[in-house]
Amino acid sequence: MAKGTTASKLNLDKMTREELISLRNDVDAALKNSEKEAKKQALAAAQKAAAEHGFSLDDILGGKKAAASGPKSAPKYANPSDPKQTWTGRGRQPGWVKDALAKGKKLEDMSI
């Protein structure tokens, strides 16, 4: 917003707590939307610049999006009642692991 707009003339001292919280939420949402739009414009500019040199943006970045996820880990644990259900031991525990642990099983009991 330009200097001298309605928003710059707000008297924050006269606003209620609820009005201030609402204003803050509105500002946070506006900032998020502004950042999203700026990223969208930056991506379009980067794609255009890459195309002007005969490349796609993925060509230049070397497919880093796929590499960022990394290789999949081998499963270390299997569900005793359904061996098709496996878990690598990374990330959140699947429901069947939580259930087995709650019933007194040890993680080692489910090792592959």
N, C-alpha and C. Protein backbone atom coordinates (compact mmCIF):
# COMPACT_ATOMS: atom_id res chain seq x y z
N MET A 1 0.83 -1.18 0.00
CA MET A 1 0.00 0.00 0.00
C MET A 1 0.87 1.24 0.00
N ALA A 2 0.38 2.23 -0.64
CA ALA A 2 1.13 3.48 -0.71
C ALA A 2 0.93 4.27 0.57
N LYS A 3 1.86 5.13 0.85
CA LYS A 3 1.77 5.97 2.03
C LYS A 3 0.55 6.87 1.90
N GLY A 4 -0.18 7.00 3.01
CA GLY A 4 -1.34 7.88 2.99
C GLY A 4 -2.63 7.14 2.69
N THR A 5 -2.60 5.81 2.53
CA THR A 5 -3.83 5.07 2.28
C THR A 5 -4.60 4.89 3.57
N THR A 6 -5.79 4.39 3.46
CA THR A 6 -6.66 4.21 4.62
C THR A 6 -5.99 3.37 5.69
N ALA A 7 -5.30 2.31 5.31
CA ALA A 7 -4.68 1.42 6.28
C ALA A 7 -3.63 2.14 7.11
N SER A 8 -2.93 3.09 6.52
CA SER A 8 -1.89 3.79 7.29
C SER A 8 -2.49 4.81 8.24
N LYS A 9 -3.78 5.10 8.09
CA LYS A 9 -4.44 6.07 8.96
C LYS A 9 -5.18 5.39 10.11
N LEU A 10 -5.06 4.07 10.23
CA LEU A 10 -5.72 3.36 11.32
C LEU A 10 -5.15 3.81 12.65
N ASN A 11 -6.02 4.01 13.61
CA ASN A 11 -5.57 4.34 14.95
C ASN A 11 -5.64 3.06 15.76
N LEU A 12 -4.53 2.38 15.84
CA LEU A 12 -4.48 1.09 16.51
C LEU A 12 -4.79 1.20 18.00
N ASP A 13 -4.49 2.34 18.59
CA ASP A 13 -4.75 2.53 20.02
C ASP A 13 -6.24 2.51 20.35
N LYS A 14 -7.08 2.82 19.38
CA LYS A 14 -8.52 2.89 19.63
C LYS A 14 -9.24 1.60 19.25
N MET A 15 -8.50 0.63 18.71
CA MET A 15 -9.11 -0.63 18.31
C MET A 15 -9.19 -1.58 19.50
N THR A 16 -10.24 -2.42 19.50
CA THR A 16 -10.37 -3.43 20.55
C THR A 16 -9.39 -4.56 20.28
N ARG A 17 -9.21 -5.38 21.28
CA ARG A 17 -8.31 -6.54 21.13
C ARG A 17 -8.79 -7.42 19.98
N GLU A 18 -10.10 -7.66 19.92
CA GLU A 18 -10.67 -8.50 18.87
C GLU A 18 -10.44 -7.89 17.49
N GLU A 19 -10.58 -6.59 17.38
CA GLU A 19 -10.35 -5.91 16.10
C GLU A 19 -8.88 -6.01 15.69
N LEU A 20 -7.99 -5.89 16.67
CA LEU A 20 -6.55 -6.01 16.38
C LEU A 20 -6.20 -7.42 15.93
N ILE A 21 -6.77 -8.42 16.58
CA ILE A 21 -6.51 -9.80 16.19
C ILE A 21 -7.04 -10.05 14.78
N SER A 22 -8.23 -9.56 14.50
CA SER A 22 -8.80 -9.71 13.17
C SER A 22 -7.93 -9.02 12.12
N LEU A 23 -7.46 -7.83 12.45
CA LEU A 23 -6.58 -7.10 11.54
C LEU A 23 -5.28 -7.88 11.30
N ARG A 24 -4.72 -8.43 12.37
CA ARG A 24 -3.49 -9.21 12.23
C ARG A 24 -3.72 -10.42 11.34
N ASN A 25 -4.85 -11.11 11.52
CA ASN A 25 -5.17 -12.27 10.69
C ASN A 25 -5.32 -11.86 9.23
N ASP A 26 -5.96 -10.71 9.00
CA ASP A 26 -6.11 -10.21 7.63
C ASP A 26 -4.75 -9.88 7.01
N VAL A 27 -3.88 -9.27 7.81
CA VAL A 27 -2.54 -8.92 7.33
C VAL A 27 -1.75 -10.19 7.02
N ASP A 28 -1.83 -11.19 7.92
CA ASP A 28 -1.12 -12.45 7.69
C ASP A 28 -1.59 -13.12 6.40
N ALA A 29 -2.90 -13.12 6.18
CA ALA A 29 -3.45 -13.71 4.96
C ALA A 29 -3.00 -12.94 3.72
N ALA A 30 -2.99 -11.62 3.82
CA ALA A 30 -2.56 -10.79 2.68
C ALA A 30 -1.08 -11.02 2.38
N LEU A 31 -0.27 -11.15 3.42
CA LEU A 31 1.16 -11.42 3.22
C LEU A 31 1.38 -12.78 2.57
N LYS A 32 0.62 -13.78 3.02
CA LYS A 32 0.75 -15.11 2.45
C LYS A 32 0.38 -15.10 0.97
N ASN A 33 -0.72 -14.41 0.64
CA ASN A 33 -1.14 -14.31 -0.76
C ASN A 33 -0.12 -13.55 -1.59
N SER A 34 0.45 -12.50 -1.02
CA SER A 34 1.46 -11.71 -1.72
C SER A 34 2.70 -12.54 -2.01
N GLU A 35 3.12 -13.32 -1.02
CA GLU A 35 4.30 -14.18 -1.21
C GLU A 35 4.02 -15.25 -2.26
N LYS A 36 2.82 -15.83 -2.22
CA LYS A 36 2.44 -16.85 -3.19
C LYS A 36 2.48 -16.28 -4.61
N GLU A 37 1.95 -15.07 -4.78
CA GLU A 37 1.94 -14.43 -6.08
C GLU A 37 3.36 -14.08 -6.54
N ALA A 38 4.19 -13.62 -5.62
CA ALA A 38 5.58 -13.28 -5.96
C ALA A 38 6.34 -14.53 -6.40
N LYS A 39 6.11 -15.66 -5.73
CA LYS A 39 6.76 -16.91 -6.12
C LYS A 39 6.29 -17.36 -7.49
N LYS A 40 4.99 -17.20 -7.73
CA LYS A 40 4.42 -17.57 -9.03
C LYS A 40 5.07 -16.75 -10.14
N GLN A 41 5.22 -15.44 -9.91
CA GLN A 41 5.86 -14.57 -10.90
C GLN A 41 7.34 -14.92 -11.08
N ALA A 42 8.01 -15.23 -9.99
CA ALA A 42 9.43 -15.61 -10.07
C ALA A 42 9.60 -16.90 -10.86
N LEU A 43 8.72 -17.86 -10.63
CA LEU A 43 8.78 -19.13 -11.36
C LEU A 43 8.57 -18.89 -12.85
N ALA A 44 7.58 -18.07 -13.18
CA ALA A 44 7.31 -17.77 -14.59
C ALA A 44 8.50 -17.08 -15.23
N ALA A 45 9.12 -16.16 -14.52
CA ALA A 45 10.30 -15.46 -15.06
C ALA A 45 11.47 -16.42 -15.25
N ALA A 46 11.66 -17.32 -14.30
CA ALA A 46 12.75 -18.30 -14.41
C ALA A 46 12.50 -19.25 -15.58
N GLN A 47 11.25 -19.69 -15.74
CA GLN A 47 10.92 -20.57 -16.86
C GLN A 47 11.14 -19.86 -18.19
N LYS A 48 10.77 -18.59 -18.26
CA LYS A 48 10.95 -17.82 -19.49
C LYS A 48 12.44 -17.65 -19.80
N ALA A 49 13.23 -17.34 -18.77
CA ALA A 49 14.67 -17.17 -18.98
C ALA A 49 15.31 -18.48 -19.44
N ALA A 50 14.91 -19.59 -18.86
CA ALA A 50 15.44 -20.89 -19.26
C ALA A 50 15.07 -21.18 -20.72
N ALA A 51 13.80 -20.91 -21.07
CA ALA A 51 13.34 -21.16 -22.44
C ALA A 51 14.09 -20.31 -23.46
N GLU A 52 14.44 -19.08 -23.09
CA GLU A 52 15.18 -18.20 -23.99
C GLU A 52 16.57 -18.77 -24.32
N HIS A 53 17.06 -19.64 -23.45
CA HIS A 53 18.36 -20.28 -23.68
C HIS A 53 18.21 -21.71 -24.19
N GLY A 54 16.98 -22.11 -24.48
CA GLY A 54 16.73 -23.42 -25.06
C GLY A 54 16.61 -24.55 -24.05
N PHE A 55 16.33 -24.23 -22.81
CA PHE A 55 16.22 -25.26 -21.78
C PHE A 55 14.88 -25.13 -21.06
N SER A 56 14.51 -26.20 -20.38
CA SER A 56 13.40 -26.10 -19.45
C SER A 56 14.01 -25.83 -18.07
N LEU A 57 13.20 -25.39 -17.15
CA LEU A 57 13.70 -25.14 -15.80
C LEU A 57 14.18 -26.44 -15.16
N ASP A 58 13.49 -27.55 -15.44
CA ASP A 58 13.93 -28.85 -14.91
C ASP A 58 15.29 -29.24 -15.46
N ASP A 59 15.56 -28.90 -16.75
CA ASP A 59 16.88 -29.19 -17.33
C ASP A 59 17.98 -28.47 -16.54
N ILE A 60 17.73 -27.24 -16.21
CA ILE A 60 18.74 -26.44 -15.51
C ILE A 60 18.91 -26.90 -14.07
N LEU A 61 17.80 -27.21 -13.43
CA LEU A 61 17.88 -27.62 -12.02
C LEU A 61 18.30 -29.08 -11.88
N GLY A 62 18.35 -29.78 -12.99
CA GLY A 62 18.82 -31.17 -12.95
C GLY A 62 17.85 -32.10 -12.24
N GLY A 63 16.56 -31.78 -12.29
CA GLY A 63 15.57 -32.65 -11.66
C GLY A 63 15.73 -32.73 -10.17
N LYS A 64 16.15 -31.64 -9.53
CA LYS A 64 16.40 -31.66 -8.09
C LYS A 64 15.17 -31.99 -7.27
N LYS A 65 13.99 -31.75 -7.81
CA LYS A 65 12.78 -32.07 -7.06
C LYS A 65 12.72 -33.56 -6.79
N ALA A 66 13.02 -34.38 -7.78
CA ALA A 66 12.99 -35.82 -7.60
C ALA A 66 14.12 -36.28 -6.69
N ALA A 67 15.28 -35.67 -6.81
CA ALA A 67 16.42 -36.07 -6.00
C ALA A 67 16.24 -35.69 -4.53
N ALA A 68 15.48 -34.65 -4.28
CA ALA A 68 15.29 -34.19 -2.91
C ALA A 68 14.59 -35.25 -2.06
N SER A 69 13.72 -36.04 -2.68
CA SER A 69 13.01 -37.06 -1.91
C SER A 69 13.94 -38.21 -1.55
N GLY A 70 15.01 -38.38 -2.30
CA GLY A 70 16.01 -39.40 -1.98
C GLY A 70 15.53 -40.80 -2.28
N PRO A 71 16.44 -41.74 -2.16
CA PRO A 71 16.08 -43.13 -2.43
C PRO A 71 15.21 -43.68 -1.30
N LYS A 72 14.36 -44.61 -1.65
CA LYS A 72 13.50 -45.24 -0.64
C LYS A 72 14.33 -46.20 0.19
N SER A 73 14.03 -46.24 1.47
CA SER A 73 14.72 -47.15 2.37
C SER A 73 14.04 -48.51 2.33
N ALA A 74 14.82 -49.53 2.58
CA ALA A 74 14.28 -50.88 2.63
C ALA A 74 13.45 -51.05 3.89
N PRO A 75 12.36 -51.80 3.82
CA PRO A 75 11.55 -52.02 5.02
C PRO A 75 12.32 -52.82 6.06
N LYS A 76 12.12 -52.45 7.32
CA LYS A 76 12.78 -53.14 8.42
C LYS A 76 11.80 -53.94 9.28
N TYR A 77 10.51 -53.57 9.18
CA TYR A 77 9.50 -54.19 10.02
C TYR A 77 8.31 -54.60 9.17
N ALA A 78 7.67 -55.71 9.58
CA ALA A 78 6.47 -56.18 8.88
C ALA A 78 5.39 -56.49 9.91
N ASN A 79 4.16 -56.30 9.48
CA ASN A 79 3.01 -56.59 10.31
C ASN A 79 2.90 -58.11 10.45
N PRO A 80 2.96 -58.64 11.67
CA PRO A 80 2.89 -60.09 11.85
C PRO A 80 1.60 -60.70 11.29
N SER A 81 0.49 -59.97 11.34
CA SER A 81 -0.76 -60.52 10.83
C SER A 81 -0.98 -60.26 9.34
N ASP A 82 -0.17 -59.38 8.74
CA ASP A 82 -0.24 -59.12 7.30
C ASP A 82 1.14 -58.68 6.82
N PRO A 83 2.00 -59.63 6.44
CA PRO A 83 3.38 -59.33 6.06
C PRO A 83 3.52 -58.37 4.87
N LYS A 84 2.43 -58.13 4.14
CA LYS A 84 2.50 -57.17 3.03
C LYS A 84 2.63 -55.74 3.56
N GLN A 85 2.19 -55.53 4.80
CA GLN A 85 2.31 -54.20 5.41
C GLN A 85 3.69 -54.10 6.05
N THR A 86 4.49 -53.16 5.52
CA THR A 86 5.85 -52.99 6.03
C THR A 86 6.09 -51.55 6.43
N TRP A 87 7.18 -51.35 7.14
CA TRP A 87 7.59 -50.01 7.59
C TRP A 87 9.10 -49.97 7.62
N THR A 88 9.67 -48.84 7.19
CA THR A 88 11.12 -48.68 7.14
C THR A 88 11.73 -48.33 8.50
N GLY A 89 10.90 -47.92 9.42
CA GLY A 89 11.41 -47.47 10.71
C GLY A 89 11.63 -45.97 10.72
N ARG A 90 11.32 -45.32 9.60
CA ARG A 90 11.46 -43.87 9.48
C ARG A 90 10.08 -43.23 9.45
N GLY A 91 10.00 -42.01 9.92
CA GLY A 91 8.74 -41.29 9.87
C GLY A 91 7.77 -41.79 10.92
N ARG A 92 6.52 -41.44 10.71
CA ARG A 92 5.48 -41.80 11.67
C ARG A 92 5.24 -43.31 11.66
N GLN A 93 4.97 -43.82 12.83
CA GLN A 93 4.67 -45.25 12.93
C GLN A 93 3.30 -45.53 12.34
N PRO A 94 3.19 -46.59 11.54
CA PRO A 94 1.88 -46.97 11.01
C PRO A 94 0.98 -47.43 12.16
N GLY A 95 -0.30 -47.44 11.91
CA GLY A 95 -1.26 -47.85 12.93
C GLY A 95 -1.00 -49.25 13.46
N TRP A 96 -0.64 -50.18 12.56
CA TRP A 96 -0.42 -51.55 13.00
C TRP A 96 0.77 -51.65 13.94
N VAL A 97 1.78 -50.80 13.79
CA VAL A 97 2.93 -50.78 14.70
C VAL A 97 2.47 -50.25 16.07
N LYS A 98 1.75 -49.15 16.05
CA LYS A 98 1.25 -48.58 17.30
C LYS A 98 0.38 -49.57 18.05
N ASP A 99 -0.51 -50.26 17.31
CA ASP A 99 -1.39 -51.24 17.95
C ASP A 99 -0.60 -52.38 18.57
N ALA A 100 0.39 -52.89 17.85
CA ALA A 100 1.20 -54.00 18.36
C ALA A 100 1.98 -53.57 19.59
N LEU A 101 2.55 -52.37 19.57
CA LEU A 101 3.30 -51.88 20.73
C LEU A 101 2.38 -51.69 21.93
N ALA A 102 1.16 -51.24 21.68
CA ALA A 102 0.19 -51.04 22.77
C ALA A 102 -0.21 -52.38 23.39
N LYS A 103 -0.14 -53.45 22.59
CA LYS A 103 -0.51 -54.78 23.09
C LYS A 103 0.68 -55.48 23.75
N GLY A 104 1.80 -54.78 23.88
CA GLY A 104 2.95 -55.33 24.59
C GLY A 104 4.03 -55.93 23.72
N LYS A 105 3.84 -55.93 22.39
CA LYS A 105 4.90 -56.43 21.51
C LYS A 105 6.05 -55.45 21.50
N LYS A 106 7.23 -55.96 21.16
CA LYS A 106 8.39 -55.12 21.02
C LYS A 106 8.63 -54.89 19.53
N LEU A 107 9.26 -53.77 19.22
CA LEU A 107 9.55 -53.45 17.83
C LEU A 107 10.41 -54.55 17.20
N GLU A 108 11.32 -55.10 17.97
CA GLU A 108 12.20 -56.16 17.48
C GLU A 108 11.40 -57.40 17.04
N ASP A 109 10.23 -57.61 17.68
CA ASP A 109 9.40 -58.76 17.33
C ASP A 109 8.86 -58.66 15.90
N MET A 110 8.84 -57.45 15.36
CA MET A 110 8.30 -57.23 14.03
C MET A 110 9.39 -57.05 12.98
N SER A 111 10.64 -57.25 13.37
CA SER A 111 11.76 -57.09 12.42
C SER A 111 11.65 -58.09 11.29
N ILE A 112 12.09 -57.65 10.14
CA ILE A 112 12.08 -58.54 8.96
C ILE A 112 13.37 -59.32 8.95
